[in-house]
């Protein structure tokens, strides 16, 4: 067994992780070959002009990268992590000037017959930088300064990538919130975060967010009545009466405007906003008398309730406005198709085409699948981008439920193995780095597979090691190779 820092022995390498990596890259190549298979040219993988040939070249190149990293000094990655991070960040804004636009995103450099996406290297560089910061003995996430530095480390590439109009890649960097949780960021942050995400989704789900806000106020009213009102029967009757009023508000509003106020219903603007009025009246009627009579402690609690309602309502309205007024039409359509499946069916030849045919391809495989190279929808190119974003469809059609379950199990094993490696590290740097890698793989895995089944919106990020693309494969290879190297020297850290 090797004893020097820069020497290498295969016995020191975590062979299960290495085996999973090799298995996934080989399976990925087979899927790409199947998607691009031409019976008139079955040896197309020997041609660098063909996708299967390019991917084979990328795989061999990545195996060489793996070997070089395993042979180098392991301390390089910890010592020069700030340098790797800065270099990876500097590559991002260059695409806005020298880059090539693909699908509306200026996120690639053109290098001869190949394209290169610097955001894949930024993920690797951010893993190293986050590990360096959080492993420092002076860093404590109970300190606000340290929290802000940690957030800045991954938010900087997020902002630069958003300038490239590559929302999917930017989203991946939020996986570092998982690392921060493992390293001690208070759970209250995540409660607030998940609550905000829920409110955003509700704001996007409905065309009229006023009904969502009215429901939130109704919940607050129920809590106030339950806690503070003495004679609750009258209050509960008033609360119950608001339920049908909210459901049939549009008709009630039209009647009020025509018959009572003798006015045109459209003259007052959006009628749905006024559904908030009866709920706010009940809220003030139950809130103010109790607020004025209670102690300062209870008053502060009620002030917090009021603040949370206003904040939650603001998030709902802001999310709806940002989505349907500021986003590009194709981005709006993707969100609608995700949250409203009927939109996909109504737009089967337009924005809903990819999702509908993706589900059809996965379902067509049955239990055992149609067999390698035998997928009809794959061969006839029914699903666009099937070699990249939608490659999981090929797994489903050609290998069925058994193939899909096996691939998911392989990714779960990969994530479990990385977590096991993380927890056995003596070095804080190595542990944080390992969890950074796990978080990135997890988000890619969940979002890509969920996207093909309509569980998450279409945002276009690859399935690690499986989707076609040299940048993605190189980025993930760097992450896994460095992790293997750090783990092989865990007793020297």
Protein backbone atom coordinates (compact mmCIF):
# COMPACT_ATOMS: atom_id res chain seq x y z
CA UNK A 1 0.00 0.00 0.00
CA UNK A 2 1.21 3.43 -0.86
CA UNK A 3 2.32 5.69 1.92
CA UNK A 4 3.34 8.86 0.13
CA UNK A 5 0.87 11.65 -0.44
CA UNK A 6 1.22 11.64 -4.22
CA UNK A 7 1.45 7.89 -4.77
CA UNK A 8 -1.50 5.77 -5.72
CA UNK A 9 -2.74 2.29 -5.03
CA UNK A 10 -5.96 0.83 -6.40
CA UNK A 11 -6.61 -0.77 -3.01
CA UNK A 12 -7.04 2.69 -1.48
CA UNK A 13 -9.80 3.68 -3.91
CA UNK A 14 -13.45 3.21 -3.00
CA UNK A 15 -14.21 0.56 -5.60
CA UNK A 16 -18.01 0.62 -5.23
CA UNK A 17 -18.10 4.34 -6.11
CA UNK A 18 -15.67 3.85 -8.98
CA UNK A 19 -17.73 0.90 -10.22
CA UNK A 20 -20.97 2.90 -10.12
CA UNK A 21 -19.30 5.73 -12.05
CA UNK A 22 -18.04 3.39 -14.79
CA UNK A 23 -21.38 1.57 -14.98
CA UNK A 24 -23.33 4.80 -15.39
CA UNK A 25 -21.03 6.14 -18.10
CA UNK A 26 -21.27 2.89 -20.06
CA UNK A 27 -25.05 2.78 -19.72
CA UNK A 28 -25.21 6.40 -20.76
CA UNK A 29 -23.23 5.69 -23.90
CA UNK A 30 -25.50 2.73 -24.76
CA UNK A 31 -28.57 4.96 -24.43
CA UNK A 32 -27.02 7.65 -26.63
CA UNK A 33 -26.04 5.03 -29.21
CA UNK A 34 -29.60 3.71 -29.17
CA UNK A 35 -31.13 7.17 -29.61
CA UNK A 36 -28.86 7.97 -32.57
CA UNK A 37 -28.71 4.43 -34.00
CA UNK A 38 -28.71 4.21 -37.78
CA UNK A 39 -29.11 0.65 -39.14
CA UNK A 40 -27.33 1.72 -42.33
CA UNK A 41 -24.28 2.77 -40.30
CA UNK A 42 -24.09 0.64 -37.14
CA UNK A 43 -20.43 1.66 -36.57
CA UNK A 44 -21.27 5.35 -36.31
CA UNK A 45 -19.70 5.39 -32.84
CA UNK A 46 -16.31 5.32 -34.58
CA UNK A 47 -17.12 8.63 -36.26
CA UNK A 48 -16.39 11.76 -34.21
CA UNK A 49 -19.00 13.54 -36.27
CA UNK A 50 -21.72 11.35 -34.76
CA UNK A 51 -23.08 11.89 -31.25
CA UNK A 52 -22.23 8.35 -30.15
CA UNK A 53 -18.68 8.82 -31.45
CA UNK A 54 -18.29 12.15 -29.65
CA UNK A 55 -19.63 10.69 -26.41
CA UNK A 56 -17.21 7.76 -26.63
CA UNK A 57 -14.39 10.27 -27.05
CA UNK A 58 -15.65 12.22 -24.02
CA UNK A 59 -15.81 9.04 -21.92
CA UNK A 60 -12.27 8.00 -22.81
CA UNK A 61 -11.07 11.56 -22.14
CA UNK A 62 -12.84 11.55 -18.76
CA UNK A 63 -11.29 8.20 -17.83
CA UNK A 64 -7.92 9.81 -18.56
CA UNK A 65 -8.84 12.78 -16.34
CA UNK A 66 -9.82 10.34 -13.60
CA UNK A 67 -6.45 8.57 -13.85
CA UNK A 68 -4.47 11.84 -13.77
CA UNK A 69 -6.35 13.11 -10.71
CA UNK A 70 -5.83 9.85 -8.86
CA UNK A 71 -2.11 10.09 -9.54
CA UNK A 72 -1.70 13.69 -8.39
CA UNK A 73 -1.07 15.14 -4.94
CA UNK A 74 -4.39 15.13 -3.02
CA UNK A 75 -3.60 18.36 -1.13
CA UNK A 76 -3.68 20.33 -4.40
CA UNK A 77 -7.48 20.44 -4.30
CA UNK A 78 -7.62 21.90 -0.81
CA UNK A 79 -4.69 24.28 -1.22
CA UNK A 80 -5.73 25.75 -4.58
CA UNK A 81 -9.51 25.52 -4.21
CA UNK A 82 -9.92 29.36 -4.25
CA UNK A 83 -7.97 29.47 -7.51
CA UNK A 84 -10.16 26.80 -9.14
CA UNK A 85 -13.27 28.64 -7.96
CA UNK A 86 -12.15 32.03 -9.27
CA UNK A 87 -11.11 30.58 -12.64
CA UNK A 88 -14.43 28.77 -13.04
CA UNK A 89 -16.32 31.96 -12.17
CA UNK A 90 -14.30 34.07 -14.61
CA UNK A 91 -15.30 31.76 -17.47
CA UNK A 92 -19.01 32.46 -16.94
CA UNK A 93 -19.40 36.10 -18.10
CA UNK A 94 -17.23 35.43 -21.15
CA UNK A 95 -20.06 33.51 -22.81
CA UNK A 96 -22.08 36.73 -23.01
CA UNK A 97 -19.43 38.15 -25.36
CA UNK A 98 -17.73 35.19 -27.01
CA UNK A 99 -20.29 32.48 -26.43
CA UNK A 100 -22.64 30.64 -28.71
CA UNK A 101 -26.39 30.88 -28.24
CA UNK A 102 -28.21 27.55 -27.92
CA UNK A 103 -31.98 27.44 -27.28
CA UNK A 104 -31.99 31.07 -26.21
CA UNK A 105 -29.14 30.69 -23.68
CA UNK A 106 -25.67 32.22 -24.13
CA UNK A 107 -24.05 29.51 -22.02
CA UNK A 108 -21.60 27.77 -24.36
CA UNK A 109 -18.20 28.39 -25.89
CA UNK A 110 -17.62 27.02 -29.39
CA UNK A 111 -14.32 25.09 -29.64
CA UNK A 112 -14.00 23.76 -33.16
CA UNK A 113 -16.60 21.03 -33.59
CA UNK A 114 -17.30 20.93 -29.85
CA UNK A 115 -19.13 23.19 -27.43
CA UNK A 116 -18.15 23.77 -23.82
CA UNK A 117 -20.45 24.89 -21.00
CA UNK A 118 -18.47 26.64 -18.24
CA UNK A 119 -21.28 26.34 -15.68
CA UNK A 120 -20.38 22.64 -15.33
CA UNK A 121 -16.90 23.62 -14.16
CA UNK A 122 -18.43 26.28 -11.90
CA UNK A 123 -20.30 23.54 -10.01
CA UNK A 124 -17.01 21.77 -9.34
CA UNK A 125 -15.24 25.00 -8.38
CA UNK A 126 -18.08 25.99 -6.05
CA UNK A 127 -17.88 22.58 -4.33
CA UNK A 128 -14.22 23.21 -3.58
CA UNK A 129 -14.77 26.81 -2.45
CA UNK A 130 -17.67 25.87 -0.17
CA UNK A 131 -15.60 23.07 1.36
CA UNK A 132 -12.73 25.47 2.02
CA UNK A 133 -14.97 28.05 3.66
CA UNK A 134 -17.02 25.69 5.85
CA UNK A 135 -14.00 23.63 6.94
CA UNK A 136 -12.18 26.66 8.30
CA UNK A 137 -11.79 26.48 12.08
CA UNK A 138 -12.98 30.08 12.43
CA UNK A 139 -16.27 29.48 10.59
CA UNK A 140 -19.45 29.00 12.60
CA UNK A 141 -22.79 29.13 10.78
CA UNK A 142 -24.40 30.65 13.86
CA UNK A 143 -22.51 33.79 12.85
CA UNK A 144 -24.29 35.95 10.27
CA UNK A 145 -21.08 36.98 8.52
CA UNK A 146 -20.14 33.34 7.89
CA UNK A 147 -23.65 32.58 6.67
CA UNK A 148 -23.57 35.46 4.18
CA UNK A 149 -20.16 34.39 2.85
CA UNK A 150 -21.44 30.83 2.34
CA UNK A 151 -24.51 32.14 0.51
CA UNK A 152 -22.37 34.46 -1.62
CA UNK A 153 -20.11 31.58 -2.70
CA UNK A 154 -22.93 29.82 -4.54
CA UNK A 155 -25.11 32.84 -5.35
CA UNK A 156 -22.36 34.52 -7.40
CA UNK A 157 -22.37 31.80 -10.09
CA UNK A 158 -26.19 31.70 -9.89
CA UNK A 159 -26.42 35.39 -10.84
CA UNK A 160 -23.85 35.06 -13.64
CA UNK A 161 -25.61 32.00 -15.07
CA UNK A 162 -28.98 33.74 -14.94
CA UNK A 163 -27.45 36.45 -17.13
CA UNK A 164 -26.83 33.66 -19.65
CA UNK A 165 -30.58 32.82 -19.50
CA UNK A 166 -29.75 29.31 -18.31
CA UNK A 167 -32.27 28.91 -15.49
CA UNK A 168 -31.78 25.15 -15.15
CA UNK A 169 -28.07 25.32 -14.42
CA UNK A 170 -28.61 28.19 -11.98
CA UNK A 171 -31.17 26.13 -10.06
CA UNK A 172 -28.63 23.36 -9.40
CA UNK A 173 -26.49 25.63 -7.22
CA UNK A 174 -29.24 25.81 -4.61
CA UNK A 175 -28.27 22.22 -3.77
CA UNK A 176 -25.60 23.79 -1.56
CA UNK A 177 -28.38 24.62 0.89
CA UNK A 178 -28.33 20.88 1.71
CA UNK A 179 -24.65 21.17 2.56
CA UNK A 180 -25.28 24.19 4.78
CA UNK A 181 -28.01 22.27 6.62
CA UNK A 182 -25.60 19.40 7.28
CA UNK A 183 -23.03 21.88 8.57
CA UNK A 184 -25.37 23.56 11.03
CA UNK A 185 -27.52 26.19 9.33
CA UNK A 186 -30.66 26.51 11.52
CA UNK A 187 -33.66 24.46 10.41
CA UNK A 188 -35.85 27.57 10.68
CA UNK A 189 -34.26 28.78 7.44
CA UNK A 190 -35.56 25.71 5.67
CA UNK A 191 -39.04 26.03 7.16
CA UNK A 192 -39.17 29.56 5.80
CA UNK A 193 -37.74 28.41 2.49
CA UNK A 194 -40.19 25.54 1.98
CA UNK A 195 -43.07 27.78 3.04
CA UNK A 196 -42.02 30.40 0.51
CA UNK A 197 -41.73 27.80 -2.26
CA UNK A 198 -45.21 26.52 -1.40
CA UNK A 199 -46.65 30.04 -1.59
CA UNK A 200 -44.89 30.65 -4.92
CA UNK A 201 -46.32 27.43 -6.37
CA UNK A 202 -49.80 28.38 -5.16
CA UNK A 203 -49.38 31.80 -6.72
CA UNK A 204 -48.45 30.18 -10.05
CA UNK A 205 -51.10 27.47 -9.91
CA UNK A 206 -54.07 29.81 -10.12
CA UNK A 207 -54.75 32.60 -12.60
CA UNK A 208 -56.33 34.63 -9.81
CA UNK A 209 -53.98 34.64 -6.78
CA UNK A 210 -56.51 36.66 -4.77
CA UNK A 211 -58.33 33.42 -3.94
CA UNK A 212 -55.12 31.94 -2.51
CA UNK A 213 -54.60 35.01 -0.33
CA UNK A 214 -58.26 34.90 0.73
CA UNK A 215 -57.73 31.29 1.83
CA UNK A 216 -54.68 32.32 3.87
CA UNK A 217 -56.68 35.06 5.58
CA UNK A 218 -59.45 32.53 6.25
CA UNK A 219 -56.96 30.26 8.02
CA UNK A 220 -55.81 33.20 10.14
CA UNK A 221 -59.43 34.06 10.93
CA UNK A 222 -60.11 30.50 12.09
CA UNK A 223 -57.08 30.58 14.39
CA UNK A 224 -58.07 33.98 15.83
CA UNK A 225 -61.66 32.87 16.48
CA UNK A 226 -60.53 29.60 18.05
CA UNK A 227 -58.07 31.32 20.37
CA UNK A 228 -59.54 34.67 21.34
CA UNK A 229 -63.29 34.92 20.82
CA UNK A 230 -65.47 34.08 23.83
CA UNK A 231 -68.84 33.46 22.17
CA UNK A 232 -67.61 31.59 19.13
CA UNK A 233 -70.92 30.52 17.54
CA UNK A 234 -71.66 33.84 15.86
CA UNK A 235 -68.07 34.15 14.68
CA UNK A 236 -68.03 30.62 13.28
CA UNK A 237 -71.31 31.31 11.45
CA UNK A 238 -69.74 34.40 9.87
CA UNK A 239 -66.65 32.39 8.99
CA UNK A 240 -68.74 29.59 7.44
CA UNK A 241 -70.81 32.05 5.41
CA UNK A 242 -67.64 33.29 3.70
CA UNK A 243 -66.93 29.87 2.20
CA UNK A 244 -69.78 29.81 -0.38
CA UNK A 245 -69.33 33.56 -0.84
CA UNK A 246 -65.73 32.93 -1.93
CA UNK A 247 -66.64 30.01 -4.19
CA UNK A 248 -69.32 31.97 -6.07
CA UNK A 249 -67.68 35.36 -5.70
CA UNK A 250 -67.64 36.23 -9.39
CA UNK A 251 -71.43 35.86 -9.62
CA UNK A 252 -71.99 37.65 -6.31
CA UNK A 253 -69.77 40.53 -7.37
CA UNK A 254 -71.55 40.89 -10.69
CA UNK A 255 -74.94 40.98 -8.91
CA UNK A 256 -73.71 43.57 -6.39
CA UNK A 257 -72.38 45.85 -9.10
CA UNK A 258 -75.46 45.62 -11.34
CA UNK A 259 -78.32 45.45 -8.86
CA UNK A 260 -77.02 47.27 -5.77
CA UNK A 261 -74.48 49.79 -7.02
CA UNK A 262 -76.02 50.16 -10.48
CA UNK A 263 -72.60 50.10 -12.10
CA UNK A 264 -70.75 48.23 -14.80
CA UNK A 265 -68.97 45.18 -13.21
CA UNK A 266 -65.90 45.83 -15.33
CA UNK A 267 -65.54 49.46 -14.33
CA UNK A 268 -63.82 48.70 -11.00
CA UNK A 269 -60.98 46.66 -12.44
CA UNK A 270 -60.26 43.03 -11.61
CA UNK A 271 -63.35 41.72 -9.76
CA UNK A 272 -61.45 38.80 -8.22
CA UNK A 273 -59.30 41.08 -6.06
CA UNK A 274 -62.39 42.22 -4.17
CA UNK A 275 -62.90 38.70 -2.79
CA UNK A 276 -60.38 39.79 -0.15
CA UNK A 277 -62.74 42.44 1.25
CA UNK A 278 -65.14 40.23 3.29
CA UNK A 279 -62.23 38.17 4.61
CA UNK A 280 -60.35 41.30 5.66
CA UNK A 281 -63.45 42.69 7.37
CA UNK A 282 -63.81 39.50 9.44
CA UNK A 283 -60.07 39.54 10.15
CA UNK A 284 -60.15 43.12 11.45
CA UNK A 285 -63.31 42.44 13.46
CA UNK A 286 -61.66 39.51 15.23
CA UNK A 287 -58.18 41.01 15.38
CA UNK A 288 -58.53 44.61 16.60
CA UNK A 289 -60.70 44.11 19.72
CA UNK A 290 -58.41 41.34 20.95
CA UNK A 291 -55.28 43.29 20.09
CA UNK A 292 -56.38 46.32 22.12
CA UNK A 293 -57.35 44.28 25.18
CA UNK A 294 -54.39 41.90 25.43
CA UNK A 295 -51.00 42.12 27.09
CA UNK A 296 -47.92 43.34 25.27
CA UNK A 297 -46.68 39.75 24.83
CA UNK A 298 -49.88 38.65 23.08
CA UNK A 299 -49.90 41.88 21.09
CA UNK A 300 -46.44 41.06 19.75
CA UNK A 301 -47.68 37.59 18.77
CA UNK A 302 -50.63 39.13 16.93
CA UNK A 303 -48.33 41.62 15.23
CA UNK A 304 -46.31 38.66 13.99
CA UNK A 305 -49.48 37.05 12.64
CA UNK A 306 -50.36 40.24 10.79
CA UNK A 307 -46.85 40.54 9.38
CA UNK A 308 -46.85 36.91 8.18
CA UNK A 309 -50.23 37.30 6.46
CA UNK A 310 -49.10 40.45 4.64
CA UNK A 311 -45.79 38.82 3.70
CA UNK A 312 -47.44 35.59 2.49
CA UNK A 313 -49.98 37.53 0.44
CA UNK A 314 -47.20 39.61 -1.07
CA UNK A 315 -45.25 36.47 -2.07
CA UNK A 316 -48.33 34.95 -3.75
CA UNK A 317 -49.13 38.11 -5.75
CA UNK A 318 -45.45 38.73 -6.61
CA UNK A 319 -44.94 35.17 -7.87
CA UNK A 320 -48.01 35.38 -10.11
CA UNK A 321 -47.00 38.79 -11.45
CA UNK A 322 -43.37 37.77 -12.07
CA UNK A 323 -44.37 34.61 -13.90
CA UNK A 324 -47.17 35.85 -16.10
CA UNK A 325 -45.94 39.40 -16.70
CA UNK A 326 -42.14 39.23 -16.71
CA UNK A 327 -41.15 35.77 -17.95
CA UNK A 328 -40.86 34.92 -21.63
CA UNK A 329 -43.95 33.25 -23.16
CA UNK A 330 -42.24 29.85 -23.52
CA UNK A 331 -41.20 29.92 -19.86
CA UNK A 332 -44.75 30.78 -18.81
CA UNK A 333 -46.02 27.89 -20.89
CA UNK A 334 -43.63 25.44 -19.23
CA UNK A 335 -44.84 26.44 -15.78
CA UNK A 336 -48.50 26.19 -16.82
CA UNK A 337 -47.98 22.72 -18.28
CA UNK A 338 -46.29 21.60 -15.07
CA UNK A 339 -48.92 22.92 -12.68
CA UNK A 340 -51.93 22.41 -14.92
CA UNK A 341 -51.79 19.07 -16.79
CA UNK A 342 -54.87 20.01 -18.80
CA UNK A 343 -52.76 22.72 -20.46
CA UNK A 344 -50.48 20.04 -21.93
CA UNK A 345 -53.42 18.13 -23.38
CA UNK A 346 -54.94 21.31 -24.81
CA UNK A 347 -51.59 22.22 -26.40
CA UNK A 348 -50.51 18.74 -27.49
CA UNK A 349 -48.87 19.97 -30.69
CA UNK A 350 -47.20 22.94 -29.07
CA UNK A 351 -45.70 23.44 -25.62
CA UNK A 352 -47.20 20.19 -24.30
CA UNK A 353 -45.70 18.03 -27.06
CA UNK A 354 -42.48 17.07 -25.26
CA UNK A 355 -44.16 16.09 -21.99
CA UNK A 356 -46.97 14.09 -23.60
CA UNK A 357 -44.63 12.09 -25.81
CA UNK A 358 -42.12 11.67 -22.99
CA UNK A 359 -44.79 10.01 -20.85
CA UNK A 360 -45.94 7.92 -23.81
CA UNK A 361 -42.39 6.69 -24.45
CA UNK A 362 -41.81 5.73 -20.82
CA UNK A 363 -45.19 4.00 -20.59
CA UNK A 364 -44.73 2.16 -23.89
CA UNK A 365 -41.92 0.07 -22.42
CA UNK A 366 -44.19 -1.92 -20.11
CA UNK A 367 -42.44 -4.08 -17.55
CA UNK A 368 -39.45 -5.41 -19.50
CA UNK A 369 -39.23 -2.88 -22.31
CA UNK A 370 -38.97 -3.36 -26.06
CA UNK A 371 -35.25 -4.13 -26.04
CA UNK A 372 -32.10 -2.21 -26.89
CA UNK A 373 -32.40 -0.41 -30.25
CA UNK A 374 -36.06 -1.50 -30.51
CA UNK A 375 -37.85 1.57 -29.19
CA UNK A 376 -40.28 2.78 -31.87
CA UNK A 377 -40.74 6.25 -30.41
CA UNK A 378 -37.00 6.52 -29.97
CA UNK A 379 -36.22 5.46 -33.53
CA UNK A 380 -38.89 7.71 -35.01
CA UNK A 381 -37.67 10.74 -32.99
CA UNK A 382 -41.03 11.45 -31.40
CA UNK A 383 -39.39 13.01 -28.33
CA UNK A 384 -37.11 16.02 -29.05
CA UNK A 385 -33.75 16.26 -27.28
CA UNK A 386 -33.96 12.59 -26.37
CA UNK A 387 -30.17 12.24 -26.27
CA UNK A 388 -29.87 15.02 -23.65
CA UNK A 389 -32.73 16.27 -21.46
CA UNK A 390 -35.15 13.43 -22.26
CA UNK A 391 -32.79 10.47 -22.40
CA UNK A 392 -34.64 8.83 -19.50
CA UNK A 393 -37.48 8.20 -22.00
CA UNK A 394 -35.19 5.83 -23.90
CA UNK A 395 -34.51 3.87 -20.72
CA UNK A 396 -38.24 3.58 -20.08
CA UNK A 397 -39.22 2.56 -23.61
CA UNK A 398 -36.43 0.11 -24.34
CA UNK A 399 -35.93 -1.39 -20.87
CA UNK A 400 -39.31 -0.87 -19.26
CA UNK A 401 -40.16 -0.63 -15.60
CA UNK A 402 -37.31 -2.99 -14.74
CA UNK A 403 -34.75 -0.79 -16.48
CA UNK A 404 -36.17 2.40 -14.99
CA UNK A 405 -36.19 0.93 -11.47
CA UNK A 406 -32.64 -0.39 -11.93
CA UNK A 407 -31.32 2.99 -13.06
CA UNK A 408 -33.05 4.80 -10.21
CA UNK A 409 -31.61 2.22 -7.80
CA UNK A 410 -28.16 2.82 -9.26
CA UNK A 411 -28.43 6.56 -8.65
CA UNK A 412 -29.74 5.99 -5.12
CA UNK A 413 -26.78 3.69 -4.48
CA UNK A 414 -24.46 6.40 -5.83
CA UNK A 415 -25.93 8.99 -3.45
CA UNK A 416 -25.82 6.61 -0.47
CA UNK A 417 -22.22 5.68 -1.27
CA UNK A 418 -21.14 9.33 -1.47
CA UNK A 419 -22.87 9.99 1.87
CA UNK A 420 -21.09 7.03 3.47
CA UNK A 421 -17.78 8.34 2.15
CA UNK A 422 -18.60 11.82 3.46
CA UNK A 423 -19.29 10.61 6.99
CA UNK A 424 -16.06 8.62 7.28
CA UNK A 425 -13.81 11.56 6.45
CA UNK A 426 -11.50 12.86 9.15
CA UNK A 427 -11.07 16.11 7.24
CA UNK A 428 -13.89 18.65 7.40
CA UNK A 429 -12.89 19.82 3.92
CA UNK A 430 -13.37 16.36 2.45
CA UNK A 431 -16.71 15.85 4.21
CA UNK A 432 -18.17 19.16 3.05
CA UNK A 433 -16.88 18.57 -0.48
CA UNK A 434 -18.48 15.11 -0.57
CA UNK A 435 -21.86 16.48 0.49
CA UNK A 436 -21.53 19.21 -2.13
CA UNK A 437 -21.08 16.55 -4.82
CA UNK A 438 -24.00 14.54 -3.44
CA UNK A 439 -26.27 17.60 -3.48
CA UNK A 440 -25.48 18.45 -7.10
CA UNK A 441 -26.00 14.86 -8.27
CA UNK A 442 -29.25 14.66 -6.28
CA UNK A 443 -30.76 17.81 -7.82
CA UNK A 444 -29.77 16.76 -11.36
CA UNK A 445 -31.21 13.29 -10.80
CA UNK A 446 -34.52 14.43 -9.26
CA UNK A 447 -35.16 17.30 -11.66
CA UNK A 448 -34.25 15.43 -14.86
CA UNK A 449 -36.30 12.32 -14.11
CA UNK A 450 -39.14 14.38 -12.64
CA UNK A 451 -39.15 16.56 -15.75
CA UNK A 452 -39.67 13.60 -18.09
CA UNK A 453 -42.70 12.51 -16.04
CA UNK A 454 -44.20 15.96 -15.54
CA UNK A 455 -43.42 16.11 -11.82
CA UNK A 456 -41.24 19.23 -12.18
CA UNK A 457 -41.23 21.91 -14.89
CA UNK A 458 -39.10 21.51 -17.99
CA UNK A 459 -35.91 23.42 -17.24
CA UNK A 460 -33.35 21.47 -19.23
CA UNK A 461 -30.63 19.93 -17.09
CA UNK A 462 -28.91 16.64 -17.99
CA UNK A 463 -29.10 13.29 -16.25
CA UNK A 464 -25.60 12.81 -14.75
CA UNK A 465 -23.34 10.42 -16.71
CA UNK A 466 -26.28 9.36 -18.94
CA UNK A 467 -27.21 12.38 -21.06
CA UNK A 468 -25.10 13.34 -24.05
CA UNK A 469 -22.64 16.15 -23.43
CA UNK A 470 -18.93 16.49 -22.83
CA UNK A 471 -19.17 19.46 -20.46
CA UNK A 472 -21.54 17.67 -18.11
CA UNK A 473 -19.54 14.44 -18.16
CA UNK A 474 -16.25 16.26 -17.54
CA UNK A 475 -17.77 18.25 -14.67
CA UNK A 476 -19.17 15.19 -12.90
CA UNK A 477 -15.99 13.21 -13.57
CA UNK A 478 -13.93 15.94 -11.89
CA UNK A 479 -16.23 15.83 -8.87
CA UNK A 480 -16.12 12.04 -8.51
CA UNK A 481 -12.39 11.77 -9.24
CA UNK A 482 -11.43 14.37 -6.63
CA UNK A 483 -13.76 12.73 -4.13
CA UNK A 484 -12.10 9.37 -4.74
CA UNK A 485 -8.68 10.95 -4.31
CA UNK A 486 -9.61 12.75 -1.08
CA UNK A 487 -11.19 9.59 0.32
CA UNK A 488 -8.18 7.47 -0.54
CA UNK A 489 -6.09 9.80 1.66
CA UNK A 490 -8.61 10.29 4.47
CA UNK A 491 -6.19 8.87 7.04
CA UNK A 492 -3.58 11.46 6.09
CA UNK A 493 -5.86 14.49 6.44
